[in-house]
Amino acid sequence: MPIYEYFCETCQDKFELLRPFSKADAPAICPACHKESSRRLLSRFACFSKGDGENQAISGAGGCSSCASSSCAGCKR
């Protein structure tokens, strides 16, 4: 089962839950205030793949997991 991140609209707490995919978007009970006023957040993730003798970062958005840009053209790293 995947881990999902949620945000409670009542107490502004962020929390994670291990839930089945079928219940990912269902409201979750906040562990801090015990209200069912949370929404699922989009989570960032990164994974690494070995290719050509060096590690290359692969992320869910662009080619760089350190920013939210859709392209690396403006990256100053």
N, C-alpha and C. Protein backbone atom coordinates (compact mmCIF):
# COMPACT_ATOMS: atom_id res chain seq x y z
N MET A 1 0.84 -1.18 0.00
CA MET A 1 0.00 0.00 0.00
C MET A 1 0.88 1.25 0.00
N PRO A 2 0.49 2.25 -0.76
CA PRO A 2 1.28 3.50 -0.79
C PRO A 2 1.00 4.40 0.41
N ILE A 3 1.94 5.29 0.66
CA ILE A 3 1.78 6.31 1.71
C ILE A 3 1.34 7.60 1.03
N TYR A 4 0.29 8.21 1.54
CA TYR A 4 -0.24 9.46 0.99
C TYR A 4 -0.10 10.56 2.03
N GLU A 5 0.10 11.80 1.56
CA GLU A 5 0.17 12.96 2.43
C GLU A 5 -1.16 13.69 2.38
N TYR A 6 -1.58 14.19 3.55
CA TYR A 6 -2.84 14.91 3.67
C TYR A 6 -2.63 16.21 4.42
N PHE A 7 -3.55 17.15 4.20
CA PHE A 7 -3.53 18.45 4.88
C PHE A 7 -4.89 18.64 5.52
N CYS A 8 -4.92 18.92 6.83
CA CYS A 8 -6.18 19.14 7.55
C CYS A 8 -6.58 20.61 7.43
N GLU A 9 -7.76 20.85 6.89
CA GLU A 9 -8.26 22.22 6.73
C GLU A 9 -8.62 22.84 8.08
N THR A 10 -8.93 22.04 9.09
CA THR A 10 -9.34 22.55 10.39
C THR A 10 -8.16 23.04 11.22
N CYS A 11 -7.15 22.18 11.41
CA CYS A 11 -6.03 22.55 12.30
C CYS A 11 -4.73 22.85 11.55
N GLN A 12 -4.75 22.78 10.21
CA GLN A 12 -3.60 23.09 9.37
C GLN A 12 -2.43 22.12 9.55
N ASP A 13 -2.72 20.91 9.99
CA ASP A 13 -1.68 19.89 10.20
C ASP A 13 -1.46 19.09 8.92
N LYS A 14 -0.22 18.70 8.67
CA LYS A 14 0.10 17.80 7.57
C LYS A 14 0.41 16.44 8.18
N PHE A 15 -0.10 15.38 7.54
CA PHE A 15 0.15 14.04 8.05
C PHE A 15 0.17 13.04 6.91
N GLU A 16 0.70 11.86 7.18
CA GLU A 16 0.79 10.79 6.19
C GLU A 16 -0.04 9.61 6.64
N LEU A 17 -0.60 8.90 5.66
CA LEU A 17 -1.36 7.68 5.94
C LEU A 17 -1.01 6.60 4.94
N LEU A 18 -0.93 5.39 5.41
CA LEU A 18 -0.75 4.21 4.58
C LEU A 18 -2.15 3.72 4.23
N ARG A 19 -2.55 3.87 2.95
CA ARG A 19 -3.91 3.55 2.54
C ARG A 19 -3.91 2.83 1.21
N PRO A 20 -4.95 2.05 0.95
CA PRO A 20 -5.07 1.44 -0.38
C PRO A 20 -5.34 2.51 -1.43
N PHE A 21 -4.95 2.24 -2.66
CA PHE A 21 -5.15 3.18 -3.76
C PHE A 21 -6.62 3.57 -3.90
N SER A 22 -7.52 2.64 -3.66
CA SER A 22 -8.95 2.91 -3.82
C SER A 22 -9.49 3.94 -2.83
N LYS A 23 -8.76 4.19 -1.73
CA LYS A 23 -9.22 5.17 -0.73
C LYS A 23 -8.32 6.40 -0.66
N ALA A 24 -7.46 6.58 -1.65
CA ALA A 24 -6.49 7.68 -1.63
C ALA A 24 -7.15 9.05 -1.56
N ASP A 25 -8.23 9.26 -2.31
CA ASP A 25 -8.87 10.58 -2.35
C ASP A 25 -10.01 10.73 -1.34
N ALA A 26 -10.32 9.69 -0.61
CA ALA A 26 -11.37 9.78 0.41
C ALA A 26 -10.87 10.65 1.57
N PRO A 27 -11.76 11.44 2.19
CA PRO A 27 -11.32 12.24 3.34
C PRO A 27 -10.74 11.35 4.43
N ALA A 28 -9.71 11.84 5.08
CA ALA A 28 -9.04 11.10 6.14
C ALA A 28 -9.25 11.82 7.46
N ILE A 29 -9.28 11.06 8.54
CA ILE A 29 -9.41 11.65 9.87
C ILE A 29 -8.05 12.13 10.33
N CYS A 30 -7.97 13.39 10.68
CA CYS A 30 -6.72 14.01 11.13
C CYS A 30 -6.32 13.44 12.48
N PRO A 31 -5.08 12.99 12.63
CA PRO A 31 -4.64 12.45 13.92
C PRO A 31 -4.49 13.52 15.01
N ALA A 32 -4.37 14.79 14.61
CA ALA A 32 -4.18 15.87 15.59
C ALA A 32 -5.52 16.36 16.18
N CYS A 33 -6.50 16.64 15.31
CA CYS A 33 -7.77 17.20 15.81
C CYS A 33 -8.95 16.24 15.67
N HIS A 34 -8.73 15.10 15.04
CA HIS A 34 -9.74 14.05 14.88
C HIS A 34 -10.94 14.48 14.04
N LYS A 35 -10.76 15.47 13.17
CA LYS A 35 -11.81 15.91 12.25
C LYS A 35 -11.59 15.24 10.90
N GLU A 36 -12.65 15.13 10.12
CA GLU A 36 -12.55 14.54 8.79
C GLU A 36 -12.62 15.65 7.74
N SER A 37 -11.70 16.61 7.86
CA SER A 37 -11.70 17.76 6.94
C SER A 37 -10.35 17.88 6.24
N SER A 38 -9.82 16.76 5.80
CA SER A 38 -8.51 16.77 5.17
C SER A 38 -8.63 16.55 3.67
N ARG A 39 -7.57 16.94 2.97
CA ARG A 39 -7.50 16.70 1.53
C ARG A 39 -6.12 16.14 1.23
N ARG A 40 -6.04 15.34 0.19
CA ARG A 40 -4.78 14.73 -0.18
C ARG A 40 -3.89 15.75 -0.87
N LEU A 41 -2.61 15.72 -0.56
CA LEU A 41 -1.63 16.59 -1.18
C LEU A 41 -0.92 15.84 -2.30
N LEU A 42 -0.38 16.57 -3.24
CA LEU A 42 0.48 15.97 -4.26
C LEU A 42 1.87 15.85 -3.66
N SER A 43 2.38 14.67 -3.62
CA SER A 43 3.67 14.41 -3.00
C SER A 43 4.79 14.46 -4.03
N ARG A 44 5.93 14.96 -3.61
CA ARG A 44 7.13 14.91 -4.44
C ARG A 44 7.83 13.60 -4.16
N PHE A 45 8.50 13.10 -5.16
CA PHE A 45 9.26 11.88 -4.97
C PHE A 45 10.49 11.94 -5.86
N ALA A 46 11.44 11.11 -5.54
CA ALA A 46 12.65 10.99 -6.36
C ALA A 46 13.09 9.55 -6.33
N CYS A 47 13.65 9.11 -7.42
CA CYS A 47 14.24 7.79 -7.47
C CYS A 47 15.53 7.92 -8.27
N PHE A 48 16.39 6.96 -8.13
CA PHE A 48 17.68 7.01 -8.80
C PHE A 48 17.86 5.78 -9.66
N SER A 49 18.46 5.99 -10.81
CA SER A 49 18.71 4.91 -11.75
C SER A 49 20.19 4.93 -12.12
N LYS A 50 20.79 3.78 -12.19
CA LYS A 50 22.19 3.72 -12.57
C LYS A 50 22.28 3.57 -14.08
N GLY A 51 22.98 4.47 -14.72
CA GLY A 51 23.14 4.42 -16.17
C GLY A 51 24.46 5.02 -16.58
N ASP A 52 25.16 4.42 -17.50
CA ASP A 52 26.45 4.90 -18.01
C ASP A 52 27.49 5.08 -16.90
N GLY A 53 27.44 4.26 -15.86
CA GLY A 53 28.45 4.31 -14.82
C GLY A 53 28.25 5.38 -13.77
N GLU A 54 27.21 6.18 -13.87
CA GLU A 54 26.96 7.20 -12.84
C GLU A 54 25.49 7.21 -12.49
N ASN A 55 25.18 7.70 -11.30
CA ASN A 55 23.78 7.78 -10.86
C ASN A 55 23.11 8.98 -11.50
N GLN A 56 21.92 8.77 -12.02
CA GLN A 56 21.15 9.85 -12.63
C GLN A 56 19.84 9.97 -11.88
N ALA A 57 19.48 11.19 -11.48
CA ALA A 57 18.23 11.41 -10.76
C ALA A 57 17.07 11.41 -11.73
N ILE A 58 16.02 10.75 -11.33
CA ILE A 58 14.79 10.72 -12.12
C ILE A 58 13.68 11.14 -11.16
N SER A 59 12.86 12.11 -11.54
CA SER A 59 11.77 12.54 -10.67
C SER A 59 10.47 12.53 -11.43
N GLY A 60 9.39 12.82 -10.71
CA GLY A 60 8.08 12.79 -11.33
C GLY A 60 7.78 14.00 -12.20
N ALA A 61 8.52 15.07 -12.09
CA ALA A 61 8.25 16.27 -12.87
C ALA A 61 9.29 16.43 -13.96
N GLY A 62 10.24 17.34 -13.75
CA GLY A 62 11.29 17.54 -14.74
C GLY A 62 12.44 16.60 -14.48
N GLY A 63 13.60 16.90 -15.05
CA GLY A 63 14.75 16.04 -14.86
C GLY A 63 15.48 16.29 -13.56
N CYS A 64 15.13 17.32 -12.83
CA CYS A 64 15.82 17.67 -11.59
C CYS A 64 14.81 17.66 -10.45
N SER A 65 15.12 16.95 -9.39
CA SER A 65 14.18 16.86 -8.28
C SER A 65 14.33 18.00 -7.29
N SER A 66 15.26 18.94 -7.55
CA SER A 66 15.48 20.01 -6.59
C SER A 66 14.66 21.26 -6.87
N CYS A 67 13.88 21.28 -7.95
CA CYS A 67 13.05 22.45 -8.21
C CYS A 67 11.72 22.02 -8.83
N ALA A 68 10.81 22.95 -8.96
CA ALA A 68 9.49 22.63 -9.51
C ALA A 68 9.37 23.06 -10.97
N SER A 69 10.48 23.44 -11.59
CA SER A 69 10.45 23.88 -12.98
C SER A 69 10.12 22.73 -13.91
N SER A 70 9.48 23.03 -15.02
CA SER A 70 9.14 21.98 -15.98
C SER A 70 10.27 21.70 -16.95
N SER A 71 11.34 22.50 -16.90
CA SER A 71 12.48 22.26 -17.77
C SER A 71 13.75 22.70 -17.05
N CYS A 72 14.88 22.14 -17.45
CA CYS A 72 16.15 22.46 -16.81
C CYS A 72 16.87 23.61 -17.51
N ALA A 73 16.23 24.26 -18.48
CA ALA A 73 16.88 25.33 -19.24
C ALA A 73 17.29 26.49 -18.35
N GLY A 74 16.50 26.79 -17.32
CA GLY A 74 16.81 27.92 -16.45
C GLY A 74 17.53 27.53 -15.17
N CYS A 75 17.92 26.27 -15.05
CA CYS A 75 18.58 25.79 -13.85
C CYS A 75 19.99 26.37 -13.76
N LYS A 76 20.37 26.87 -12.58
CA LYS A 76 21.67 27.49 -12.40
C LYS A 76 22.61 26.63 -11.59
N ARG A 77 22.37 25.32 -11.59
CA ARG A 77 23.24 24.43 -10.80
C ARG A 77 24.50 24.11 -11.51
